[in-house]
Amino acid sequence: MTWDQTLPLWTRLHAASPQALDDLGRRHGIDLLSTTAQRQWGAGAAMRIRCARVQDGRVLVADLLWHQAADAQALYTVETGYRMLRPGQALERFKAQGLPAGSAHAVALVLLHQLLGQTGLVLDGIDKGLATSMRSLRSFQLTVGTPGTRGAQDLTDVDSHLSMLHRPLSVVVQALDDLAQAAMQLRRGAWQGSQLQSIHVDALLAEIEGVQRRARCMLDRQRFHRRAAEETVAMSDLNVTKVFSVLWAAFIPGTALINWYGQNFRVMPELSWQGSLWMQLLAVLVLTAIPVWMVKHSGTLR
């Protein structure tokens, strides 16, 4: 399928299957399949760019085939899934920057800027998700040891949400790497002779590098938050274990005393002693205090 050409020297195509992709390559006289698997990009070779954008609160991911040649030759883009490019928006940016109308490299610059902007919007959504998860995790940690203490099951949603954020973050990192490769190919083309000034491509590369640093920082944040959630769950489980340890230490002496006097011995002279009850209660209290003190002294109650 071929869509209407909006920008000069740009041919926008769509292929829903490998066979359709091969047919498009034959029709337009370009090779769209030879380097797709190997991802080896060179002059006149088609490269695969992973794209991501936000639509109706969802992150759409699709691959875009990018075939760039000389400045006077048409730029071919083949969208294999969702429609990732917005021709109207690209045309407005092209006119606003006053780029040369007969330059395919200028068209490539505008489209790469558009893809980078869409990737940045995906990062904005992920950043909001990380902030929400961090607030929930912090709220859980602040209630530990208070009457409003919550159980570890309250962190299930936080952990699953952080796990779900890992996939779009990985897609964004890959998309930015692909955009950087396409921009580097564009800069090589600009050096070899082009109406497009290399300063525009350098600015694009600098912008991509900045977004890459942001994406990697967010990926580290996601990993850190998930480790924090796992450690919080582990600490919550440990607190439950501490409670049962203290309860065991408190009740085991009394249980031993009951078992001792439940043996029905024929001769138990201490039962007739004066103050025998109080002596036995005092012994139970001492036997209870000793293991509790040992558990506290070992530091396991902290």
Protein backbone atom coordinates (compact mmCIF):
# COMPACT_ATOMS: atom_id res chain seq x y z
CA MET A 1 0.00 0.00 0.00
CA THR A 2 1.28 3.49 -0.89
CA TRP A 3 0.03 6.64 0.83
CA ASP A 4 -0.11 10.10 -0.71
CA GLN A 5 3.16 11.97 -0.76
CA THR A 6 2.95 15.04 1.48
CA LEU A 7 6.53 16.29 1.60
CA PRO A 8 8.78 16.58 -1.47
CA LEU A 9 11.13 13.65 -2.04
CA TRP A 10 9.34 11.53 0.57
CA THR A 11 7.50 8.35 -0.35
CA ARG A 12 5.44 7.00 2.52
CA LEU A 13 4.59 3.31 2.24
CA HIS A 14 2.82 0.69 4.29
CA ALA A 15 3.30 -3.08 4.32
CA ALA A 16 1.34 -5.48 6.50
CA SER A 17 3.34 -8.63 5.62
CA PRO A 18 6.80 -9.67 4.40
CA GLN A 19 5.32 -10.46 0.99
CA ALA A 20 3.84 -6.97 0.73
CA LEU A 21 7.21 -5.57 1.77
CA ASP A 22 8.95 -7.52 -0.98
CA ASP A 23 6.37 -6.33 -3.52
CA LEU A 24 6.94 -2.71 -2.51
CA GLY A 25 10.68 -3.14 -2.89
CA ARG A 26 10.30 -4.53 -6.39
CA ARG A 27 7.82 -1.83 -7.40
CA HIS A 28 10.02 1.06 -6.25
CA GLY A 29 13.36 -0.55 -7.10
CA ILE A 30 14.75 -0.60 -3.55
CA ASP A 31 15.88 -3.44 -1.30
CA LEU A 32 13.83 -3.50 1.90
CA LEU A 33 14.63 -7.03 3.07
CA SER A 34 18.33 -7.74 2.66
CA THR A 35 19.54 -5.90 5.77
CA THR A 36 16.45 -6.13 7.94
CA ALA A 37 17.58 -9.16 9.95
CA GLN A 38 21.27 -8.33 10.21
CA ARG A 39 20.62 -4.65 11.10
CA GLN A 40 23.75 -3.72 9.15
CA TRP A 41 23.23 -0.22 7.88
CA GLY A 42 25.15 1.49 5.17
CA ALA A 43 24.62 3.82 2.27
CA GLY A 44 21.43 3.01 0.41
CA ALA A 45 20.52 0.22 2.82
CA ALA A 46 17.18 -0.05 4.60
CA MET A 47 17.29 0.11 8.38
CA ARG A 48 14.65 -0.86 10.89
CA ILE A 49 13.69 1.79 13.45
CA ARG A 50 11.66 0.83 16.50
CA CYS A 51 9.02 3.54 17.10
CA ALA A 52 6.80 4.29 20.07
CA ARG A 53 4.10 6.88 20.65
CA VAL A 54 1.20 7.53 23.01
CA GLN A 55 -2.40 7.32 21.80
CA ASP A 56 -5.46 7.39 24.07
CA GLY A 57 -3.35 6.57 27.11
CA ARG A 58 -1.74 3.55 25.42
CA VAL A 59 1.82 3.11 24.19
CA LEU A 60 1.83 1.97 20.56
CA VAL A 61 4.96 0.20 19.32
CA ALA A 62 5.78 -0.60 15.70
CA ASP A 63 8.73 -0.96 13.34
CA LEU A 64 9.50 1.55 10.62
CA LEU A 65 11.73 0.71 7.65
CA TRP A 66 13.90 3.64 6.66
CA HIS A 67 15.59 3.82 3.26
CA GLN A 68 17.72 6.91 2.79
CA ALA A 69 19.96 7.54 -0.22
CA ALA A 70 21.45 10.69 -1.77
CA ASP A 71 20.02 14.14 -1.13
CA ALA A 72 18.40 14.31 -4.57
CA GLN A 73 16.83 10.84 -4.27
CA ALA A 74 13.56 10.11 -2.53
CA LEU A 75 13.40 9.03 1.11
CA TYR A 76 11.33 5.86 1.55
CA THR A 77 9.62 4.98 4.82
CA VAL A 78 7.63 1.79 5.27
CA GLU A 79 5.34 1.50 8.29
CA THR A 80 4.72 -2.16 9.12
CA GLY A 81 2.20 -1.70 11.93
CA TYR A 82 0.64 1.35 13.52
CA ARG A 83 0.90 4.65 11.67
CA MET A 84 3.79 6.33 13.43
CA LEU A 85 4.38 9.32 11.15
CA ARG A 86 2.22 12.43 10.99
CA PRO A 87 2.68 14.10 7.59
CA GLY A 88 0.74 17.25 8.41
CA GLN A 89 2.80 17.96 11.50
CA ALA A 90 6.03 17.21 9.62
CA LEU A 91 5.06 19.60 6.80
CA GLU A 92 4.40 22.41 9.29
CA ARG A 93 7.80 21.91 10.90
CA PHE A 94 9.47 21.73 7.50
CA LYS A 95 8.03 25.11 6.49
CA ALA A 96 8.62 26.70 9.90
CA GLN A 97 12.35 25.88 9.79
CA GLY A 98 12.69 27.10 6.21
CA LEU A 99 14.41 23.93 5.03
CA PRO A 100 15.29 23.49 1.34
CA ALA A 101 12.34 22.03 -0.57
CA GLY A 102 14.46 19.89 -2.88
CA SER A 103 16.40 18.09 -0.13
CA ALA A 104 15.50 14.56 0.91
CA HIS A 105 17.90 14.92 3.83
CA ALA A 106 15.88 17.88 5.11
CA VAL A 107 12.75 15.70 5.00
CA ALA A 108 14.62 12.98 6.91
CA LEU A 109 15.65 15.53 9.54
CA VAL A 110 12.06 16.63 10.10
CA LEU A 111 10.75 13.08 10.37
CA LEU A 112 13.48 12.04 12.81
CA HIS A 113 12.66 15.06 14.95
CA GLN A 114 9.01 13.98 14.93
CA LEU A 115 9.84 10.42 15.99
CA LEU A 116 12.10 11.75 18.74
CA GLY A 117 9.35 14.02 20.02
CA GLN A 118 6.88 11.12 20.16
CA THR A 119 9.42 9.03 22.06
CA GLY A 120 9.85 11.89 24.53
CA LEU A 121 6.10 11.92 25.18
CA VAL A 122 6.27 8.19 25.99
CA LEU A 123 9.03 8.97 28.49
CA ASP A 124 6.83 11.64 30.08
CA GLY A 125 4.09 9.07 30.67
CA ILE A 126 6.56 6.57 32.13
CA ASP A 127 7.96 9.29 34.40
CA LYS A 128 4.47 9.91 35.80
CA GLY A 129 4.05 6.19 36.40
CA LEU A 130 7.36 6.02 38.27
CA ALA A 131 6.38 9.01 40.42
CA THR A 132 3.05 7.39 41.32
CA SER A 133 4.72 4.10 42.27
CA MET A 134 7.32 5.91 44.36
CA ARG A 135 4.65 7.80 46.29
CA SER A 136 2.79 4.57 47.03
CA LEU A 137 6.01 2.88 48.14
CA ARG A 138 6.98 5.83 50.33
CA SER A 139 3.55 5.92 51.93
CA PHE A 140 3.85 2.22 52.75
CA GLN A 141 7.30 2.68 54.30
CA LEU A 142 6.17 5.60 56.47
CA THR A 143 3.36 3.55 58.04
CA VAL A 144 5.64 0.69 59.10
CA GLY A 145 5.57 0.34 62.87
CA THR A 146 2.52 2.59 63.30
CA PRO A 147 -1.13 1.73 64.00
CA GLY A 148 -1.79 2.24 60.29
CA THR A 149 0.71 -0.40 59.22
CA ARG A 150 -0.34 -2.18 56.04
CA GLY A 151 0.46 -5.69 54.88
CA ALA A 152 2.84 -6.73 52.13
CA GLN A 153 -0.11 -7.55 49.89
CA ASP A 154 -0.65 -3.79 49.53
CA LEU A 155 2.59 -3.63 47.53
CA THR A 156 1.45 -6.17 44.95
CA ASP A 157 0.01 -3.51 42.67
CA VAL A 158 3.14 -1.36 43.00
CA ASP A 159 5.45 -4.22 42.09
CA SER A 160 3.33 -5.30 39.12
CA HIS A 161 3.14 -1.69 37.90
CA LEU A 162 6.92 -1.32 38.08
CA SER A 163 7.30 -4.59 36.18
CA MET A 164 4.96 -3.33 33.46
CA LEU A 165 7.01 -0.14 33.09
CA HIS A 166 10.12 -2.14 32.23
CA ARG A 167 8.89 -3.13 28.77
CA PRO A 168 8.04 0.36 27.46
CA LEU A 169 11.30 1.65 28.93
CA SER A 170 13.26 -1.01 27.07
CA VAL A 171 11.38 -0.17 23.87
CA VAL A 172 12.19 3.52 24.31
CA VAL A 173 15.90 2.81 24.83
CA GLN A 174 15.97 0.68 21.67
CA ALA A 175 14.03 3.32 19.71
CA LEU A 176 16.50 6.01 20.74
CA ASP A 177 19.44 3.85 19.69
CA ASP A 178 17.81 3.33 16.29
CA LEU A 179 17.14 7.06 15.91
CA ALA A 180 20.76 7.80 16.78
CA GLN A 181 21.93 5.39 14.06
CA ALA A 182 19.60 6.99 11.51
CA ALA A 183 20.82 10.47 12.49
CA MET A 184 24.44 9.39 12.14
CA GLN A 185 23.69 8.05 8.66
CA LEU A 186 22.03 11.38 7.85
CA ARG A 187 25.12 13.26 9.04
CA ARG A 188 27.36 11.13 6.82
CA GLY A 189 25.08 12.00 3.90
CA ALA A 190 25.24 15.70 4.77
CA TRP A 191 29.05 15.60 4.78
CA GLN A 192 29.12 13.95 1.36
CA GLY A 193 27.20 16.77 -0.25
CA SER A 194 23.75 17.98 0.69
CA GLN A 195 21.59 21.08 0.74
CA LEU A 196 21.04 20.41 4.43
CA GLN A 197 23.59 22.03 6.71
CA SER A 198 25.37 19.66 9.06
CA ILE A 199 24.67 21.98 12.01
CA HIS A 200 21.02 20.90 11.90
CA VAL A 201 22.00 17.23 12.09
CA ASP A 202 24.44 17.92 14.94
CA ALA A 203 21.65 19.60 16.87
CA LEU A 204 19.44 16.55 16.29
CA LEU A 205 22.17 14.21 17.52
CA ALA A 206 22.68 16.32 20.63
CA GLU A 207 18.94 16.22 21.33
CA ILE A 208 18.85 12.45 20.87
CA GLU A 209 21.80 12.04 23.22
CA GLY A 210 20.02 14.09 25.88
CA VAL A 211 16.86 11.98 25.64
CA GLN A 212 19.00 8.83 25.76
CA ARG A 213 20.56 9.94 29.04
CA ARG A 214 17.10 10.64 30.41
CA ALA A 215 15.81 7.21 29.33
CA ARG A 216 18.75 5.37 30.89
CA CYS A 217 18.34 7.36 34.10
CA MET A 218 14.66 6.40 34.22
CA LEU A 219 15.56 2.77 33.60
CA ASP A 220 17.90 2.90 36.60
CA ARG A 221 15.13 4.54 38.65
CA GLN A 222 12.70 1.78 37.70
CA ARG A 223 15.18 -0.89 38.78
CA PHE A 224 15.94 0.95 42.01
CA HIS A 225 12.25 1.36 42.86
CA ARG A 226 11.56 -2.29 42.18
CA ARG A 227 14.44 -3.38 44.42
CA ALA A 228 13.10 -1.04 47.10
CA ALA A 229 9.64 -2.61 46.79
CA GLU A 230 11.11 -6.11 47.06
CA GLU A 231 13.15 -5.12 50.11
CA THR A 232 10.09 -3.54 51.73
CA VAL A 233 8.12 -6.75 51.23
CA ALA A 234 11.01 -8.74 52.72
CA MET A 235 11.15 -6.41 55.74
CA SER A 236 7.41 -6.74 56.23
CA ASP A 237 7.71 -10.54 56.21
CA LEU A 238 10.62 -10.28 58.64
CA ASN A 239 8.53 -8.20 61.04
CA VAL A 240 5.87 -10.92 61.06
CA THR A 241 8.56 -13.49 61.86
CA LYS A 242 9.79 -11.30 64.74
CA VAL A 243 6.30 -11.16 66.25
CA PHE A 244 5.96 -14.93 66.18
CA SER A 245 9.45 -15.36 67.64
CA VAL A 246 8.61 -13.15 70.62
CA LEU A 247 5.26 -14.88 71.13
CA TRP A 248 6.98 -18.25 71.08
CA ALA A 249 9.55 -17.06 73.62
CA ALA A 250 6.78 -15.69 75.88
CA PHE A 251 4.50 -18.74 75.85
CA ILE A 252 6.94 -21.63 75.87
CA PRO A 253 7.77 -21.45 79.66
CA GLY A 254 4.11 -21.48 80.66
CA THR A 255 3.46 -24.34 78.26
CA ALA A 256 6.36 -26.26 79.80
CA LEU A 257 4.98 -25.67 83.30
CA ILE A 258 1.52 -26.88 82.31
CA ASN A 259 3.01 -29.98 80.74
CA TRP A 260 5.09 -30.62 83.86
CA TYR A 261 2.16 -30.49 86.26
CA GLY A 262 -0.07 -32.34 83.87
CA GLN A 263 1.95 -35.55 84.24
CA ASN A 264 -0.09 -36.71 87.29
CA PHE A 265 2.89 -37.66 89.40
CA ARG A 266 1.91 -39.41 92.69
CA VAL A 267 4.36 -37.41 94.79
CA MET A 268 4.53 -33.64 94.21
CA PRO A 269 5.48 -32.14 97.62
CA GLU A 270 5.91 -28.58 96.31
CA LEU A 271 2.16 -28.32 95.84
CA SER A 272 1.74 -28.23 99.64
CA TRP A 273 4.43 -25.63 100.25
CA GLN A 274 3.37 -22.22 101.45
CA GLY A 275 3.55 -19.70 98.59
CA SER A 276 4.04 -22.44 96.02
CA LEU A 277 1.73 -20.68 93.50
CA TRP A 278 3.65 -17.42 93.66
CA MET A 279 6.99 -19.18 93.38
CA GLN A 280 5.83 -21.01 90.25
CA LEU A 281 4.46 -17.80 88.69
CA LEU A 282 7.73 -16.03 89.45
CA ALA A 283 9.67 -18.87 87.83
CA VAL A 284 7.49 -18.64 84.72
CA LEU A 285 8.07 -14.86 84.52
CA VAL A 286 11.82 -15.33 84.85
CA LEU A 287 11.87 -18.08 82.25
CA THR A 288 9.81 -15.85 79.95
CA ALA A 289 12.00 -12.79 80.42
CA ILE A 290 15.26 -14.60 79.71
CA PRO A 291 14.52 -15.67 76.07
CA VAL A 292 12.82 -12.34 75.31
CA TRP A 293 15.89 -10.51 76.62
CA MET A 294 18.16 -12.76 74.55
CA VAL A 295 16.13 -12.07 71.38
CA LYS A 296 16.26 -8.30 72.05
CA HIS A 297 19.95 -8.35 72.94
CA SER A 298 20.76 -10.12 69.63
CA GLY A 299 19.32 -7.16 67.73
CA THR A 300 16.70 -9.08 65.77
CA LEU A 301 13.88 -6.89 67.08
CA ARG A 302 15.29 -3.76 65.37
